[in-house]
Amino acid sequence: MNNKEYLDKDEQDIVESFEKDEWISIPKENQKKYIKAAKKSQQKNKRINIRLTDKDYHDIRVKAMEEGIPYQTLISSIIHKYNKGELKDS
């Protein structure tokens, strides 16, 4: 399983663009500003508490182990995809 499978379409496009050497370096004097902005945009600074049935809790942990990621990361990814309209009912 490759890591691109966990990325949404926009993120995959960015990785592919980078791999094609379509990116250029920014001047050194601007790097700190952009690094700080990038880190801030990725911070997970909100905590939530949710109640799950024992079965759902067990199933999400099993699925996360199958995917090789922490279960909290899987739950966060599901919420992110839902918010972007990428989750579909089966």
N, C-alpha and C. Protein backbone atom coordinates (compact mmCIF):
# COMPACT_ATOMS: atom_id res chain seq x y z
N MET A 1 0.85 -1.17 0.00
CA MET A 1 0.00 0.00 0.00
C MET A 1 0.90 1.24 0.00
N ASN A 2 0.65 2.18 -0.91
CA ASN A 2 1.51 3.36 -0.92
C ASN A 2 0.86 4.51 -0.17
N ASN A 3 1.67 5.43 0.30
CA ASN A 3 1.18 6.52 1.14
C ASN A 3 0.24 7.46 0.42
N LYS A 4 0.28 7.53 -0.91
CA LYS A 4 -0.60 8.42 -1.65
C LYS A 4 -2.08 8.05 -1.50
N GLU A 5 -2.35 6.80 -1.13
CA GLU A 5 -3.73 6.36 -0.96
C GLU A 5 -4.43 7.10 0.17
N TYR A 6 -3.68 7.65 1.11
CA TYR A 6 -4.26 8.37 2.24
C TYR A 6 -4.50 9.84 1.91
N LEU A 7 -4.03 10.29 0.75
CA LEU A 7 -4.15 11.69 0.38
C LEU A 7 -5.42 11.92 -0.42
N ASP A 8 -6.00 13.13 -0.25
CA ASP A 8 -7.14 13.46 -1.11
C ASP A 8 -6.61 13.91 -2.48
N LYS A 9 -7.49 14.19 -3.40
CA LYS A 9 -7.10 14.53 -4.78
C LYS A 9 -6.17 15.74 -4.82
N ASP A 10 -6.49 16.79 -4.08
CA ASP A 10 -5.64 17.99 -4.07
C ASP A 10 -4.24 17.68 -3.55
N GLU A 11 -4.18 16.88 -2.48
CA GLU A 11 -2.88 16.53 -1.92
C GLU A 11 -2.08 15.66 -2.89
N GLN A 12 -2.75 14.74 -3.57
CA GLN A 12 -2.07 13.91 -4.57
C GLN A 12 -1.51 14.77 -5.71
N ASP A 13 -2.29 15.76 -6.14
CA ASP A 13 -1.82 16.67 -7.20
C ASP A 13 -0.57 17.42 -6.78
N ILE A 14 -0.52 17.84 -5.52
CA ILE A 14 0.65 18.56 -5.01
C ILE A 14 1.87 17.65 -5.03
N VAL A 15 1.71 16.42 -4.53
CA VAL A 15 2.83 15.48 -4.50
C VAL A 15 3.32 15.21 -5.92
N GLU A 16 2.41 14.98 -6.84
CA GLU A 16 2.81 14.70 -8.23
C GLU A 16 3.52 15.90 -8.85
N SER A 17 3.05 17.10 -8.56
CA SER A 17 3.70 18.31 -9.07
C SER A 17 5.11 18.42 -8.52
N PHE A 18 5.26 18.14 -7.22
CA PHE A 18 6.59 18.18 -6.60
C PHE A 18 7.51 17.14 -7.22
N GLU A 19 6.99 15.95 -7.43
CA GLU A 19 7.81 14.87 -8.01
C GLU A 19 8.23 15.17 -9.45
N LYS A 20 7.50 16.03 -10.14
CA LYS A 20 7.83 16.42 -11.51
C LYS A 20 8.78 17.64 -11.53
N ASP A 21 9.28 18.02 -10.35
CA ASP A 21 10.19 19.17 -10.21
C ASP A 21 9.58 20.47 -10.73
N GLU A 22 8.28 20.65 -10.48
CA GLU A 22 7.60 21.88 -10.90
C GLU A 22 7.68 22.98 -9.84
N TRP A 23 8.35 22.71 -8.75
CA TRP A 23 8.43 23.66 -7.65
C TRP A 23 9.79 24.36 -7.66
N ILE A 24 9.80 25.58 -7.16
CA ILE A 24 11.06 26.32 -7.03
C ILE A 24 11.23 26.74 -5.57
N SER A 25 12.47 26.89 -5.17
CA SER A 25 12.75 27.31 -3.79
C SER A 25 12.42 28.78 -3.62
N ILE A 26 11.98 29.11 -2.40
CA ILE A 26 11.74 30.52 -2.09
C ILE A 26 13.01 31.11 -1.51
N PRO A 27 13.14 32.44 -1.58
CA PRO A 27 14.34 33.07 -1.00
C PRO A 27 14.46 32.76 0.49
N LYS A 28 15.69 32.60 0.95
CA LYS A 28 15.96 32.26 2.36
C LYS A 28 15.25 33.20 3.33
N GLU A 29 15.20 34.49 3.01
CA GLU A 29 14.61 35.46 3.94
C GLU A 29 13.11 35.24 4.14
N ASN A 30 12.45 34.54 3.24
CA ASN A 30 11.01 34.29 3.38
C ASN A 30 10.69 32.91 3.95
N GLN A 31 11.66 32.04 4.04
CA GLN A 31 11.39 30.66 4.43
C GLN A 31 10.79 30.52 5.82
N LYS A 32 11.30 31.25 6.79
CA LYS A 32 10.79 31.13 8.16
C LYS A 32 9.31 31.49 8.23
N LYS A 33 8.92 32.53 7.51
CA LYS A 33 7.53 32.97 7.51
C LYS A 33 6.62 31.87 6.95
N TYR A 34 7.03 31.27 5.86
CA TYR A 34 6.21 30.23 5.23
C TYR A 34 6.20 28.94 6.03
N ILE A 35 7.32 28.61 6.63
CA ILE A 35 7.39 27.41 7.47
C ILE A 35 6.45 27.56 8.67
N LYS A 36 6.46 28.74 9.28
CA LYS A 36 5.59 29.00 10.43
C LYS A 36 4.12 28.90 10.02
N ALA A 37 3.76 29.48 8.88
CA ALA A 37 2.37 29.43 8.41
C ALA A 37 1.95 27.99 8.11
N ALA A 38 2.84 27.21 7.49
CA ALA A 38 2.52 25.82 7.16
C ALA A 38 2.31 25.00 8.43
N LYS A 39 3.19 25.17 9.41
CA LYS A 39 3.05 24.42 10.66
C LYS A 39 1.75 24.78 11.37
N LYS A 40 1.43 26.07 11.38
CA LYS A 40 0.21 26.51 12.06
C LYS A 40 -1.03 25.94 11.40
N SER A 41 -1.01 25.83 10.08
CA SER A 41 -2.19 25.32 9.37
C SER A 41 -2.40 23.83 9.61
N GLN A 42 -1.37 23.12 10.04
CA GLN A 42 -1.47 21.68 10.26
C GLN A 42 -1.62 21.29 11.72
N GLN A 43 -1.61 22.27 12.61
CA GLN A 43 -1.71 21.95 14.03
C GLN A 43 -3.09 21.39 14.36
N LYS A 44 -3.07 20.34 15.11
CA LYS A 44 -4.32 19.76 15.60
C LYS A 44 -4.45 20.25 17.03
N ASN A 45 -5.19 21.32 17.21
CA ASN A 45 -5.23 21.95 18.52
C ASN A 45 -6.61 21.89 19.18
N LYS A 46 -7.51 21.13 18.61
CA LYS A 46 -8.83 20.97 19.23
C LYS A 46 -9.04 19.51 19.60
N ARG A 47 -9.49 19.30 20.80
CA ARG A 47 -9.79 17.95 21.26
C ARG A 47 -11.29 17.80 21.35
N ILE A 48 -11.75 16.59 21.06
CA ILE A 48 -13.17 16.29 21.24
C ILE A 48 -13.28 14.97 21.97
N ASN A 49 -14.40 14.78 22.61
CA ASN A 49 -14.72 13.50 23.24
C ASN A 49 -15.96 12.97 22.56
N ILE A 50 -15.92 11.71 22.18
CA ILE A 50 -17.10 11.09 21.59
C ILE A 50 -17.34 9.76 22.27
N ARG A 51 -18.56 9.33 22.25
CA ARG A 51 -18.92 8.03 22.80
C ARG A 51 -19.24 7.11 21.64
N LEU A 52 -18.65 5.92 21.68
CA LEU A 52 -18.87 4.91 20.66
C LEU A 52 -19.36 3.63 21.31
N THR A 53 -20.05 2.84 20.53
CA THR A 53 -20.38 1.51 21.03
C THR A 53 -19.09 0.71 21.10
N ASP A 54 -19.09 -0.33 21.92
CA ASP A 54 -17.90 -1.18 22.01
C ASP A 54 -17.53 -1.75 20.64
N LYS A 55 -18.55 -2.14 19.87
CA LYS A 55 -18.30 -2.72 18.55
C LYS A 55 -17.66 -1.69 17.61
N ASP A 56 -18.20 -0.47 17.57
CA ASP A 56 -17.61 0.55 16.69
C ASP A 56 -16.18 0.88 17.11
N TYR A 57 -15.95 0.98 18.41
CA TYR A 57 -14.61 1.25 18.91
C TYR A 57 -13.65 0.14 18.48
N HIS A 58 -14.06 -1.10 18.67
CA HIS A 58 -13.23 -2.24 18.28
C HIS A 58 -12.98 -2.22 16.77
N ASP A 59 -14.04 -2.02 15.99
CA ASP A 59 -13.92 -2.06 14.53
C ASP A 59 -13.00 -0.95 14.00
N ILE A 60 -13.09 0.24 14.58
CA ILE A 60 -12.24 1.34 14.09
C ILE A 60 -10.78 1.06 14.44
N ARG A 61 -10.54 0.46 15.59
CA ARG A 61 -9.16 0.11 15.97
C ARG A 61 -8.61 -0.97 15.05
N VAL A 62 -9.42 -1.96 14.72
CA VAL A 62 -8.99 -3.02 13.81
C VAL A 62 -8.68 -2.43 12.44
N LYS A 63 -9.57 -1.58 11.94
CA LYS A 63 -9.37 -0.96 10.62
C LYS A 63 -8.09 -0.12 10.63
N ALA A 64 -7.85 0.62 11.68
CA ALA A 64 -6.63 1.43 11.78
C ALA A 64 -5.39 0.55 11.77
N MET A 65 -5.43 -0.57 12.49
CA MET A 65 -4.29 -1.50 12.49
C MET A 65 -4.06 -2.05 11.09
N GLU A 66 -5.14 -2.37 10.38
CA GLU A 66 -5.01 -2.87 9.01
C GLU A 66 -4.36 -1.83 8.10
N GLU A 67 -4.68 -0.57 8.34
CA GLU A 67 -4.14 0.53 7.54
C GLU A 67 -2.75 0.95 8.01
N GLY A 68 -2.36 0.50 9.20
CA GLY A 68 -1.04 0.84 9.73
C GLY A 68 -0.95 2.25 10.28
N ILE A 69 -2.09 2.77 10.79
CA ILE A 69 -2.11 4.13 11.35
C ILE A 69 -2.80 4.10 12.71
N PRO A 70 -2.54 5.11 13.55
CA PRO A 70 -3.25 5.18 14.83
C PRO A 70 -4.75 5.38 14.60
N TYR A 71 -5.56 4.86 15.51
CA TYR A 71 -7.00 4.95 15.31
C TYR A 71 -7.50 6.40 15.38
N GLN A 72 -6.83 7.25 16.19
CA GLN A 72 -7.23 8.65 16.25
C GLN A 72 -7.00 9.33 14.89
N THR A 73 -5.90 8.96 14.22
CA THR A 73 -5.61 9.51 12.90
C THR A 73 -6.67 9.08 11.90
N LEU A 74 -7.10 7.83 11.99
CA LEU A 74 -8.15 7.34 11.09
C LEU A 74 -9.45 8.10 11.32
N ILE A 75 -9.83 8.28 12.56
CA ILE A 75 -11.05 9.02 12.87
C ILE A 75 -10.95 10.45 12.36
N SER A 76 -9.80 11.10 12.59
CA SER A 76 -9.59 12.46 12.10
C SER A 76 -9.70 12.53 10.58
N SER A 77 -9.13 11.52 9.91
CA SER A 77 -9.19 11.46 8.45
C SER A 77 -10.63 11.30 7.96
N ILE A 78 -11.41 10.48 8.64
CA ILE A 78 -12.81 10.28 8.27
C ILE A 78 -13.58 11.61 8.41
N ILE A 79 -13.36 12.31 9.50
CA ILE A 79 -14.03 13.60 9.71
C ILE A 79 -13.61 14.60 8.64
N HIS A 80 -12.31 14.64 8.34
CA HIS A 80 -11.79 15.56 7.31
C HIS A 80 -12.44 15.26 5.96
N LYS A 81 -12.49 13.99 5.58
CA LYS A 81 -13.09 13.62 4.30
C LYS A 81 -14.58 13.94 4.28
N TYR A 82 -15.27 13.73 5.38
CA TYR A 82 -16.69 14.05 5.46
C TYR A 82 -16.90 15.55 5.25
N ASN A 83 -16.09 16.36 5.92
CA ASN A 83 -16.20 17.81 5.79
C ASN A 83 -15.94 18.30 4.37
N LYS A 84 -15.10 17.59 3.64
CA LYS A 84 -14.79 17.96 2.26
C LYS A 84 -15.78 17.34 1.27
N GLY A 85 -16.76 16.59 1.76
CA GLY A 85 -17.75 15.97 0.89
C GLY A 85 -17.22 14.75 0.15
N GLU A 86 -16.16 14.13 0.67
CA GLU A 86 -15.54 13.01 -0.01
C GLU A 86 -16.02 11.65 0.48
N LEU A 87 -16.83 11.61 1.53
CA LEU A 87 -17.36 10.34 2.01
C LEU A 87 -18.72 10.12 1.36
N LYS A 88 -18.90 8.95 0.84
CA LYS A 88 -20.15 8.59 0.17
C LYS A 88 -20.81 7.45 0.92
N ASP A 89 -22.15 7.46 0.96
CA ASP A 89 -22.88 6.33 1.53
C ASP A 89 -22.72 5.14 0.61
N SER A 90 -22.60 3.98 1.22
CA SER A 90 -22.44 2.77 0.39
C SER A 90 -23.78 2.17 0.05
